Amino acid sequence: MQELHAAIASLPNKQAKRIYAHFILGMTKQDIARAEGVHEKVVRVAIERGLRRLEKILKNSL
């Protein structure tokens, strides 16, 4: 669990916040977009990129 938190903390701030809001707080991508005043696609792409980065970080730590 510590590795996951460290990996999320190493992401760019917006990616980390959006992943946290979506997966931990349970917000929809549309809700996040509305709260940030951006298009839903921007949030979706940021989350997808962040998850790919997380995967690489966690694979490298094993």
N, C-alpha and C. Protein backbone atom coordinates (compact mmCIF):
# COMPACT_ATOMS: atom_id res chain seq x y z
N MET A 1 0.83 -1.19 0.00
CA MET A 1 0.00 0.00 0.00
C MET A 1 0.87 1.26 0.00
N GLN A 2 1.99 1.20 0.71
CA GLN A 2 2.90 2.35 0.75
C GLN A 2 3.47 2.62 -0.64
N GLU A 3 3.78 1.54 -1.37
CA GLU A 3 4.31 1.70 -2.72
C GLU A 3 3.29 2.38 -3.63
N LEU A 4 2.03 2.02 -3.47
CA LEU A 4 0.97 2.63 -4.28
C LEU A 4 0.86 4.12 -3.97
N HIS A 5 0.86 4.47 -2.69
CA HIS A 5 0.76 5.89 -2.32
C HIS A 5 1.98 6.67 -2.82
N ALA A 6 3.16 6.07 -2.72
CA ALA A 6 4.38 6.73 -3.21
C ALA A 6 4.31 6.90 -4.73
N ALA A 7 3.80 5.88 -5.43
CA ALA A 7 3.69 5.96 -6.89
C ALA A 7 2.71 7.06 -7.29
N ILE A 8 1.59 7.15 -6.61
CA ILE A 8 0.61 8.20 -6.91
C ILE A 8 1.21 9.57 -6.63
N ALA A 9 1.95 9.68 -5.54
CA ALA A 9 2.58 10.96 -5.19
C ALA A 9 3.62 11.39 -6.21
N SER A 10 4.18 10.44 -6.95
CA SER A 10 5.21 10.77 -7.94
C SER A 10 4.61 11.24 -9.27
N LEU A 11 3.32 11.11 -9.42
CA LEU A 11 2.65 11.56 -10.65
C LEU A 11 2.56 13.08 -10.68
N PRO A 12 2.39 13.64 -11.87
CA PRO A 12 2.10 15.08 -11.93
C PRO A 12 0.84 15.38 -11.10
N ASN A 13 0.81 16.55 -10.51
CA ASN A 13 -0.24 16.91 -9.55
C ASN A 13 -1.66 16.69 -10.09
N LYS A 14 -1.95 17.13 -11.31
CA LYS A 14 -3.31 16.99 -11.84
C LYS A 14 -3.68 15.51 -12.02
N GLN A 15 -2.75 14.71 -12.53
CA GLN A 15 -3.04 13.28 -12.70
C GLN A 15 -3.31 12.64 -11.34
N ALA A 16 -2.49 12.95 -10.37
CA ALA A 16 -2.66 12.38 -9.03
C ALA A 16 -4.01 12.77 -8.44
N LYS A 17 -4.36 14.04 -8.54
CA LYS A 17 -5.63 14.52 -7.98
C LYS A 17 -6.82 13.88 -8.68
N ARG A 18 -6.73 13.74 -9.99
CA ARG A 18 -7.85 13.16 -10.75
C ARG A 18 -8.00 11.67 -10.47
N ILE A 19 -6.89 10.96 -10.36
CA ILE A 19 -6.96 9.54 -10.02
C ILE A 19 -7.53 9.37 -8.62
N TYR A 20 -7.08 10.19 -7.70
CA TYR A 20 -7.59 10.12 -6.32
C TYR A 20 -9.10 10.40 -6.29
N ALA A 21 -9.50 11.46 -6.98
CA ALA A 21 -10.93 11.82 -6.99
C ALA A 21 -11.78 10.71 -7.60
N HIS A 22 -11.29 10.10 -8.66
CA HIS A 22 -12.08 9.08 -9.34
C HIS A 22 -12.11 7.75 -8.57
N PHE A 23 -10.95 7.25 -8.19
CA PHE A 23 -10.89 5.91 -7.60
C PHE A 23 -11.06 5.89 -6.09
N ILE A 24 -10.66 6.93 -5.40
CA ILE A 24 -10.77 6.95 -3.94
C ILE A 24 -12.07 7.63 -3.50
N LEU A 25 -12.35 8.78 -4.07
CA LEU A 25 -13.57 9.51 -3.70
C LEU A 25 -14.79 9.05 -4.45
N GLY A 26 -14.59 8.30 -5.54
CA GLY A 26 -15.71 7.75 -6.29
C GLY A 26 -16.41 8.75 -7.20
N MET A 27 -15.73 9.85 -7.52
CA MET A 27 -16.33 10.84 -8.42
C MET A 27 -16.28 10.32 -9.86
N THR A 28 -17.29 10.67 -10.62
CA THR A 28 -17.25 10.31 -12.04
C THR A 28 -16.31 11.27 -12.75
N LYS A 29 -15.87 10.86 -13.93
CA LYS A 29 -14.99 11.72 -14.72
C LYS A 29 -15.72 13.00 -15.10
N GLN A 30 -17.00 12.87 -15.35
CA GLN A 30 -17.80 14.04 -15.70
C GLN A 30 -17.90 15.01 -14.51
N ASP A 31 -18.05 14.47 -13.30
CA ASP A 31 -18.11 15.32 -12.11
C ASP A 31 -16.79 16.05 -11.89
N ILE A 32 -15.69 15.34 -12.09
CA ILE A 32 -14.36 15.95 -11.93
C ILE A 32 -14.20 17.07 -12.95
N ALA A 33 -14.58 16.80 -14.19
CA ALA A 33 -14.47 17.80 -15.25
C ALA A 33 -15.30 19.03 -14.92
N ARG A 34 -16.50 18.81 -14.46
CA ARG A 34 -17.39 19.91 -14.12
C ARG A 34 -16.78 20.75 -12.98
N ALA A 35 -16.23 20.08 -11.97
CA ALA A 35 -15.63 20.78 -10.83
C ALA A 35 -14.40 21.60 -11.24
N GLU A 36 -13.66 21.09 -12.23
CA GLU A 36 -12.46 21.77 -12.69
C GLU A 36 -12.71 22.74 -13.83
N GLY A 37 -13.89 22.69 -14.40
CA GLY A 37 -14.21 23.57 -15.52
C GLY A 37 -13.51 23.19 -16.81
N VAL A 38 -13.31 21.86 -17.00
CA VAL A 38 -12.67 21.37 -18.22
C VAL A 38 -13.58 20.34 -18.87
N HIS A 39 -13.25 19.94 -20.08
CA HIS A 39 -14.01 18.93 -20.79
C HIS A 39 -13.72 17.56 -20.19
N GLU A 40 -14.69 16.68 -20.22
CA GLU A 40 -14.54 15.33 -19.66
C GLU A 40 -13.39 14.57 -20.30
N LYS A 41 -13.15 14.80 -21.58
CA LYS A 41 -12.07 14.11 -22.27
C LYS A 41 -10.71 14.43 -21.66
N VAL A 42 -10.52 15.66 -21.21
CA VAL A 42 -9.27 16.07 -20.58
C VAL A 42 -9.03 15.24 -19.32
N VAL A 43 -10.07 15.06 -18.54
CA VAL A 43 -9.97 14.27 -17.31
C VAL A 43 -9.72 12.81 -17.64
N ARG A 44 -10.45 12.29 -18.60
CA ARG A 44 -10.31 10.89 -18.99
C ARG A 44 -8.89 10.58 -19.46
N VAL A 45 -8.35 11.44 -20.31
CA VAL A 45 -7.00 11.23 -20.83
C VAL A 45 -5.97 11.32 -19.70
N ALA A 46 -6.14 12.28 -18.80
CA ALA A 46 -5.20 12.42 -17.68
C ALA A 46 -5.21 11.18 -16.80
N ILE A 47 -6.38 10.64 -16.54
CA ILE A 47 -6.48 9.43 -15.72
C ILE A 47 -5.84 8.25 -16.43
N GLU A 48 -6.11 8.11 -17.72
CA GLU A 48 -5.53 7.00 -18.48
C GLU A 48 -4.00 7.09 -18.49
N ARG A 49 -3.47 8.27 -18.72
CA ARG A 49 -2.01 8.45 -18.73
C ARG A 49 -1.43 8.19 -17.34
N GLY A 50 -2.12 8.68 -16.33
CA GLY A 50 -1.66 8.46 -14.97
C GLY A 50 -1.63 6.98 -14.60
N LEU A 51 -2.63 6.24 -15.04
CA LEU A 51 -2.67 4.80 -14.75
C LEU A 51 -1.54 4.06 -15.47
N ARG A 52 -1.24 4.48 -16.70
CA ARG A 52 -0.12 3.87 -17.42
C ARG A 52 1.20 4.16 -16.70
N ARG A 53 1.36 5.38 -16.22
CA ARG A 53 2.57 5.72 -15.46
C ARG A 53 2.66 4.92 -14.17
N LEU A 54 1.53 4.80 -13.49
CA LEU A 54 1.51 4.01 -12.25
C LEU A 54 1.93 2.58 -12.52
N GLU A 55 1.43 2.02 -13.60
CA GLU A 55 1.77 0.66 -13.95
C GLU A 55 3.29 0.51 -14.14
N LYS A 56 3.89 1.44 -14.87
CA LYS A 56 5.34 1.40 -15.10
C LYS A 56 6.11 1.56 -13.79
N ILE A 57 5.70 2.50 -12.97
CA ILE A 57 6.38 2.73 -11.70
C ILE A 57 6.31 1.49 -10.82
N LEU A 58 5.13 0.92 -10.71
CA LEU A 58 4.96 -0.24 -9.84
C LEU A 58 5.66 -1.48 -10.38
N LYS A 59 5.68 -1.65 -11.69
CA LYS A 59 6.41 -2.79 -12.29
C LYS A 59 7.89 -2.67 -12.02
N ASN A 60 8.42 -1.45 -12.11
CA ASN A 60 9.85 -1.23 -11.89
C ASN A 60 10.25 -1.41 -10.43
N SER A 61 9.30 -1.25 -9.53
CA SER A 61 9.62 -1.39 -8.10
C SER A 61 9.58 -2.82 -7.62
N LEU A 62 9.13 -3.74 -8.47
CA LEU A 62 9.05 -5.15 -8.05
C LEU A 62 10.31 -5.90 -8.35
